[in-house]
């Protein structure tokens, strides 16, 4: 009988789980939102739901991806990457919404409700993914940080 120890998750395991659960939550939302919006508003509802899922889901999932990427960078660079990505995401969303405002091929209610649903569901799924992860930590007894007589 061989004993195989369970692998120790890496420090980025919670972020990877957040991204995985966020993608799963977004996929479920897309299916439900498209079905409901198409049933209630036809093809316009379909487009509204798809656009809403892309805007809301893309906004939140990009944050998780940038944090995962930035975790390997020095703290000052990671902060800069986070700031630039956030400003970039806000600008992209404003431009997309501004351009979409000129068209009427989609249902605005479906778009709005799907964006709100994507923000809530994907963020909740990511939080669930982070909280489910077991990351090992080590505590030391008080006084361990000072060198003992053997270290002098």
Protein backbone atom coordinates (compact mmCIF):
# COMPACT_ATOMS: atom_id res chain seq x y z
CA UNK A 1 0.00 0.00 0.00
CA UNK A 2 1.56 3.25 -1.08
CA UNK A 3 0.84 6.53 0.53
CA UNK A 4 0.66 9.49 -1.80
CA UNK A 5 0.45 12.84 -0.03
CA UNK A 6 -2.08 15.31 -1.30
CA UNK A 7 -0.44 18.09 -3.25
CA UNK A 8 -0.08 21.39 -1.47
CA UNK A 9 -1.91 24.11 -3.37
CA UNK A 10 0.20 26.98 -4.63
CA UNK A 11 -0.21 30.54 -3.44
CA UNK A 12 -2.24 31.38 -6.54
CA UNK A 13 -4.76 28.56 -5.99
CA UNK A 14 -7.48 30.88 -4.58
CA UNK A 15 -7.16 33.21 -7.57
CA UNK A 16 -7.32 30.33 -10.03
CA UNK A 17 -10.39 28.96 -8.23
CA UNK A 18 -12.01 32.41 -8.32
CA UNK A 19 -11.48 32.62 -12.07
CA UNK A 20 -12.77 29.07 -12.60
CA UNK A 21 -15.91 29.56 -10.49
CA UNK A 22 -16.48 32.98 -12.06
CA UNK A 23 -16.42 31.46 -15.55
CA UNK A 24 -18.83 28.73 -14.46
CA UNK A 25 -21.17 31.31 -12.91
CA UNK A 26 -21.04 33.42 -16.06
CA UNK A 27 -21.82 30.40 -18.26
CA UNK A 28 -24.87 29.55 -16.15
CA UNK A 29 -26.00 33.19 -16.23
CA UNK A 30 -25.64 33.35 -20.02
CA UNK A 31 -27.81 30.27 -20.51
CA UNK A 32 -30.53 31.49 -18.15
CA UNK A 33 -30.43 35.10 -19.27
CA UNK A 34 -30.52 34.24 -22.98
CA UNK A 35 -33.43 31.83 -22.45
CA UNK A 36 -35.49 34.28 -20.39
CA UNK A 37 -34.70 37.37 -22.49
CA UNK A 38 -35.37 35.58 -25.78
CA UNK A 39 -38.66 34.22 -24.46
CA UNK A 40 -39.80 37.65 -23.31
CA UNK A 41 -38.31 40.02 -25.91
CA UNK A 42 -37.39 37.86 -28.90
CA UNK A 43 -34.19 38.44 -30.85
CA UNK A 44 -33.72 41.86 -29.25
CA UNK A 45 -33.72 40.14 -25.85
CA UNK A 46 -31.15 37.63 -27.07
CA UNK A 47 -28.79 40.42 -28.13
CA UNK A 48 -29.38 42.36 -24.92
CA UNK A 49 -28.58 39.31 -22.79
CA UNK A 50 -25.44 38.46 -24.77
CA UNK A 51 -24.16 42.03 -24.67
CA UNK A 52 -24.96 42.33 -20.96
CA UNK A 53 -23.11 39.11 -20.17
CA UNK A 54 -20.09 40.27 -22.19
CA UNK A 55 -19.99 43.68 -20.50
CA UNK A 56 -20.66 42.60 -16.90
CA UNK A 57 -18.83 39.28 -17.00
CA UNK A 58 -15.87 40.69 -18.88
CA UNK A 59 -15.52 43.55 -16.40
CA UNK A 60 -15.39 41.29 -13.34
CA UNK A 61 -13.42 38.39 -14.84
CA UNK A 62 -10.78 40.78 -16.14
CA UNK A 63 -10.19 41.92 -12.59
CA UNK A 64 -9.56 38.35 -11.41
CA UNK A 65 -7.25 37.67 -14.36
CA UNK A 66 -5.25 40.86 -13.75
CA UNK A 67 -4.88 40.05 -10.05
CA UNK A 68 -3.67 36.55 -10.94
CA UNK A 69 -1.14 38.03 -13.38
CA UNK A 70 -0.12 40.81 -10.97
CA UNK A 71 0.53 38.39 -8.10
CA UNK A 72 3.84 37.44 -9.75
CA UNK A 73 4.99 41.05 -10.09
CA UNK A 74 6.68 43.32 -7.55
CA UNK A 75 4.11 45.13 -5.39
CA UNK A 76 4.56 48.57 -6.97
CA UNK A 77 4.28 47.17 -10.49
CA UNK A 78 1.26 45.06 -9.51
CA UNK A 79 -0.46 48.15 -8.13
CA UNK A 80 0.24 50.05 -11.33
CA UNK A 81 -1.09 47.18 -13.45
CA UNK A 82 -4.26 47.04 -11.34
CA UNK A 83 -4.82 50.78 -11.61
CA UNK A 84 -4.23 50.90 -15.36
CA UNK A 85 -6.45 47.86 -15.94
CA UNK A 86 -9.27 49.35 -13.88
CA UNK A 87 -9.14 52.69 -15.69
CA UNK A 88 -8.93 50.84 -19.01
CA UNK A 89 -11.95 48.69 -18.17
CA UNK A 90 -14.01 51.72 -17.18
CA UNK A 91 -13.08 53.51 -20.41
CA UNK A 92 -13.92 50.45 -22.52
CA UNK A 93 -17.30 50.04 -20.83
CA UNK A 94 -18.13 53.74 -21.28
CA UNK A 95 -17.16 53.60 -24.96
CA UNK A 96 -19.12 50.38 -25.57
CA UNK A 97 -22.23 51.74 -23.83
CA UNK A 98 -21.87 55.04 -25.71
CA UNK A 99 -21.67 53.23 -29.05
CA UNK A 100 -24.53 50.86 -28.17
CA UNK A 101 -26.69 53.85 -27.28
CA UNK A 102 -26.85 54.68 -31.00
CA UNK A 103 -28.38 51.32 -31.91
CA UNK A 104 -31.70 49.65 -31.18
CA UNK A 105 -31.13 46.02 -32.19
CA UNK A 106 -31.02 44.92 -28.53
CA UNK A 107 -33.38 45.09 -25.59
CA UNK A 108 -32.11 47.64 -23.05
CA UNK A 109 -33.89 45.99 -20.13
CA UNK A 110 -32.33 42.62 -20.92
CA UNK A 111 -28.92 44.26 -21.21
CA UNK A 112 -29.29 46.11 -17.91
CA UNK A 113 -30.59 43.12 -15.96
CA UNK A 114 -27.93 40.82 -17.40
CA UNK A 115 -25.12 43.26 -16.54
CA UNK A 116 -26.38 43.52 -12.96
CA UNK A 117 -26.83 39.73 -12.80
CA UNK A 118 -23.32 39.17 -14.19
CA UNK A 119 -21.76 41.53 -11.68
CA UNK A 120 -23.53 39.87 -8.76
CA UNK A 121 -23.28 36.23 -9.85
CA UNK A 122 -19.68 36.31 -11.11
CA UNK A 123 -18.46 38.25 -8.09
CA UNK A 124 -20.31 35.84 -5.78
CA UNK A 125 -18.92 32.83 -7.63
CA UNK A 126 -15.39 34.22 -7.43
CA UNK A 127 -15.79 34.87 -3.71
CA UNK A 128 -17.07 31.32 -3.23
CA UNK A 129 -14.06 29.99 -5.17
CA UNK A 130 -11.61 31.91 -2.98
CA UNK A 131 -13.29 30.88 0.27
CA UNK A 132 -13.38 27.18 -0.72
CA UNK A 133 -9.62 26.96 -1.16
CA UNK A 134 -7.46 25.58 1.59
CA UNK A 135 -4.15 27.39 1.63
CA UNK A 136 -1.62 26.15 4.16
CA UNK A 137 -0.09 28.57 6.58
CA UNK A 138 2.54 28.23 9.27
CA UNK A 139 2.62 29.85 12.65
CA UNK A 140 5.66 29.98 14.84
CA UNK A 141 5.76 30.25 18.60
CA UNK A 142 6.55 33.67 20.00
CA UNK A 143 10.28 34.27 20.22
CA UNK A 144 11.15 32.17 17.17
CA UNK A 145 11.97 35.26 15.18
CA UNK A 146 14.97 36.15 17.36
CA UNK A 147 18.19 34.24 16.75
CA UNK A 148 19.12 31.78 19.43
CA UNK A 149 22.56 31.15 20.96
CA UNK A 150 23.49 28.73 18.15
CA UNK A 151 22.99 31.45 15.53
CA UNK A 152 25.50 33.86 17.10
